[in-house]
Amino acid sequence: MHPKRRDNQDRYLRAAQVKGFIKKTADNKGLTKEQVHQRLTTNYKKMFKIEVLTHFW
């Protein structure tokens, strides 16, 4: 597989895993997906002290 195509595939898989994680967490804790997403991005920002892009969710 071409390296650029592999990178795109990896990005797609990571995005799918995060979406699945958000859905699973929301179902388990009785929260909305948006609440879980906000908590995840807030904690991610705190951990890595970076600006998280949220437009791809």
N, C-alpha and C. Protein backbone atom coordinates (compact mmCIF):
# COMPACT_ATOMS: atom_id res chain seq x y z
N MET A 1 0.85 -1.17 0.00
CA MET A 1 0.00 0.00 0.00
C MET A 1 0.90 1.24 0.00
N HIS A 2 0.49 2.24 -0.74
CA HIS A 2 1.24 3.48 -0.82
C HIS A 2 1.27 4.16 0.56
N PRO A 3 2.43 4.73 0.95
CA PRO A 3 2.54 5.32 2.29
C PRO A 3 1.48 6.39 2.59
N LYS A 4 1.19 7.24 1.61
CA LYS A 4 0.19 8.29 1.86
C LYS A 4 -1.19 7.68 2.06
N ARG A 5 -1.49 6.66 1.28
CA ARG A 5 -2.78 6.00 1.43
C ARG A 5 -2.88 5.31 2.79
N ARG A 6 -1.78 4.72 3.23
CA ARG A 6 -1.74 4.06 4.53
C ARG A 6 -1.98 5.08 5.65
N ASP A 7 -1.37 6.27 5.54
CA ASP A 7 -1.58 7.31 6.54
C ASP A 7 -3.04 7.72 6.61
N ASN A 8 -3.67 7.87 5.46
CA ASN A 8 -5.09 8.22 5.43
C ASN A 8 -5.94 7.13 6.06
N GLN A 9 -5.59 5.88 5.78
CA GLN A 9 -6.32 4.75 6.36
C GLN A 9 -6.15 4.74 7.88
N ASP A 10 -4.93 4.99 8.35
CA ASP A 10 -4.68 5.03 9.80
C ASP A 10 -5.49 6.14 10.46
N ARG A 11 -5.54 7.31 9.82
CA ARG A 11 -6.33 8.42 10.36
C ARG A 11 -7.80 8.07 10.42
N TYR A 12 -8.29 7.43 9.38
CA TYR A 12 -9.70 7.01 9.34
C TYR A 12 -10.00 6.04 10.48
N LEU A 13 -9.11 5.07 10.68
CA LEU A 13 -9.32 4.09 11.74
C LEU A 13 -9.28 4.72 13.12
N ARG A 14 -8.35 5.66 13.35
CA ARG A 14 -8.29 6.35 14.64
C ARG A 14 -9.57 7.14 14.89
N ALA A 15 -10.05 7.83 13.87
CA ALA A 15 -11.28 8.61 14.03
C ALA A 15 -12.45 7.69 14.35
N ALA A 16 -12.51 6.54 13.70
CA ALA A 16 -13.59 5.58 13.96
C ALA A 16 -13.49 5.03 15.38
N GLN A 17 -12.27 4.78 15.85
CA GLN A 17 -12.09 4.28 17.21
C GLN A 17 -12.53 5.31 18.25
N VAL A 18 -12.19 6.57 18.01
CA VAL A 18 -12.58 7.63 18.95
C VAL A 18 -14.10 7.79 18.97
N LYS A 19 -14.72 7.75 17.80
CA LYS A 19 -16.18 7.86 17.73
C LYS A 19 -16.83 6.70 18.48
N GLY A 20 -16.29 5.49 18.31
CA GLY A 20 -16.81 4.33 19.02
C GLY A 20 -16.63 4.45 20.52
N PHE A 21 -15.48 4.96 20.93
CA PHE A 21 -15.21 5.17 22.35
C PHE A 21 -16.19 6.17 22.95
N ILE A 22 -16.45 7.26 22.24
CA ILE A 22 -17.39 8.27 22.72
C ILE A 22 -18.78 7.69 22.86
N LYS A 23 -19.22 6.93 21.86
CA LYS A 23 -20.56 6.33 21.89
C LYS A 23 -20.68 5.34 23.05
N LYS A 24 -19.67 4.48 23.22
CA LYS A 24 -19.68 3.48 24.28
C LYS A 24 -19.69 4.13 25.66
N THR A 25 -18.87 5.15 25.84
CA THR A 25 -18.80 5.86 27.12
C THR A 25 -20.12 6.57 27.41
N ALA A 26 -20.70 7.19 26.40
CA ALA A 26 -21.98 7.88 26.59
C ALA A 26 -23.07 6.90 27.00
N ASP A 27 -23.10 5.75 26.35
CA ASP A 27 -24.11 4.74 26.69
C ASP A 27 -23.91 4.20 28.10
N ASN A 28 -22.66 3.94 28.47
CA ASN A 28 -22.37 3.38 29.79
C ASN A 28 -22.66 4.35 30.93
N LYS A 29 -22.36 5.63 30.72
CA LYS A 29 -22.51 6.61 31.80
C LYS A 29 -23.82 7.38 31.73
N GLY A 30 -24.63 7.14 30.71
CA GLY A 30 -25.91 7.83 30.59
C GLY A 30 -25.78 9.30 30.22
N LEU A 31 -24.74 9.64 29.48
CA LEU A 31 -24.51 11.01 29.05
C LEU A 31 -24.77 11.12 27.56
N THR A 32 -24.84 12.36 27.08
CA THR A 32 -24.95 12.55 25.63
C THR A 32 -23.56 12.45 25.01
N LYS A 33 -23.53 12.18 23.73
CA LYS A 33 -22.24 12.10 23.04
C LYS A 33 -21.50 13.43 23.11
N GLU A 34 -22.25 14.52 23.04
CA GLU A 34 -21.62 15.85 23.10
C GLU A 34 -20.95 16.10 24.45
N GLN A 35 -21.59 15.65 25.54
CA GLN A 35 -20.99 15.81 26.87
C GLN A 35 -19.69 15.02 26.98
N VAL A 36 -19.69 13.79 26.48
CA VAL A 36 -18.49 12.96 26.52
C VAL A 36 -17.41 13.59 25.65
N HIS A 37 -17.78 14.09 24.49
CA HIS A 37 -16.82 14.72 23.59
C HIS A 37 -16.18 15.94 24.25
N GLN A 38 -16.98 16.76 24.92
CA GLN A 38 -16.45 17.95 25.59
C GLN A 38 -15.48 17.56 26.70
N ARG A 39 -15.84 16.56 27.48
CA ARG A 39 -14.94 16.12 28.56
C ARG A 39 -13.64 15.56 27.99
N LEU A 40 -13.76 14.79 26.93
CA LEU A 40 -12.57 14.20 26.31
C LEU A 40 -11.63 15.28 25.79
N THR A 41 -12.17 16.25 25.06
CA THR A 41 -11.31 17.30 24.51
C THR A 41 -10.74 18.19 25.61
N THR A 42 -11.51 18.46 26.65
CA THR A 42 -11.01 19.28 27.76
C THR A 42 -9.85 18.58 28.45
N ASN A 43 -10.01 17.30 28.74
CA ASN A 43 -8.94 16.55 29.40
C ASN A 43 -7.73 16.38 28.49
N TYR A 44 -7.96 16.21 27.21
CA TYR A 44 -6.86 16.09 26.25
C TYR A 44 -6.06 17.38 26.21
N LYS A 45 -6.76 18.51 26.22
CA LYS A 45 -6.07 19.81 26.23
C LYS A 45 -5.23 19.96 27.49
N LYS A 46 -5.78 19.55 28.63
CA LYS A 46 -5.05 19.67 29.89
C LYS A 46 -3.81 18.78 29.88
N MET A 47 -3.96 17.57 29.37
CA MET A 47 -2.84 16.63 29.36
C MET A 47 -1.70 17.11 28.46
N PHE A 48 -2.03 17.56 27.27
CA PHE A 48 -1.01 17.89 26.29
C PHE A 48 -0.81 19.38 26.09
N LYS A 49 -1.63 20.19 26.76
CA LYS A 49 -1.54 21.65 26.68
C LYS A 49 -1.48 22.14 25.24
N ILE A 50 -2.42 21.64 24.44
CA ILE A 50 -2.50 22.04 23.04
C ILE A 50 -3.94 22.40 22.70
N GLU A 51 -4.10 23.03 21.56
CA GLU A 51 -5.43 23.35 21.06
C GLU A 51 -5.91 22.16 20.24
N VAL A 52 -7.05 21.60 20.61
CA VAL A 52 -7.59 20.42 19.95
C VAL A 52 -8.56 20.86 18.86
N LEU A 53 -8.40 20.30 17.67
CA LEU A 53 -9.33 20.57 16.59
C LEU A 53 -10.58 19.75 16.83
N THR A 54 -11.73 20.40 16.81
CA THR A 54 -12.97 19.68 17.09
C THR A 54 -13.89 19.61 15.89
N HIS A 55 -13.50 20.19 14.77
CA HIS A 55 -14.41 20.24 13.63
C HIS A 55 -14.58 18.90 12.94
N PHE A 56 -13.71 17.93 13.17
CA PHE A 56 -13.86 16.65 12.47
C PHE A 56 -14.75 15.67 13.21
N TRP A 57 -15.25 16.02 14.37
CA TRP A 57 -16.15 15.14 15.09
C TRP A 57 -17.45 15.17 14.42
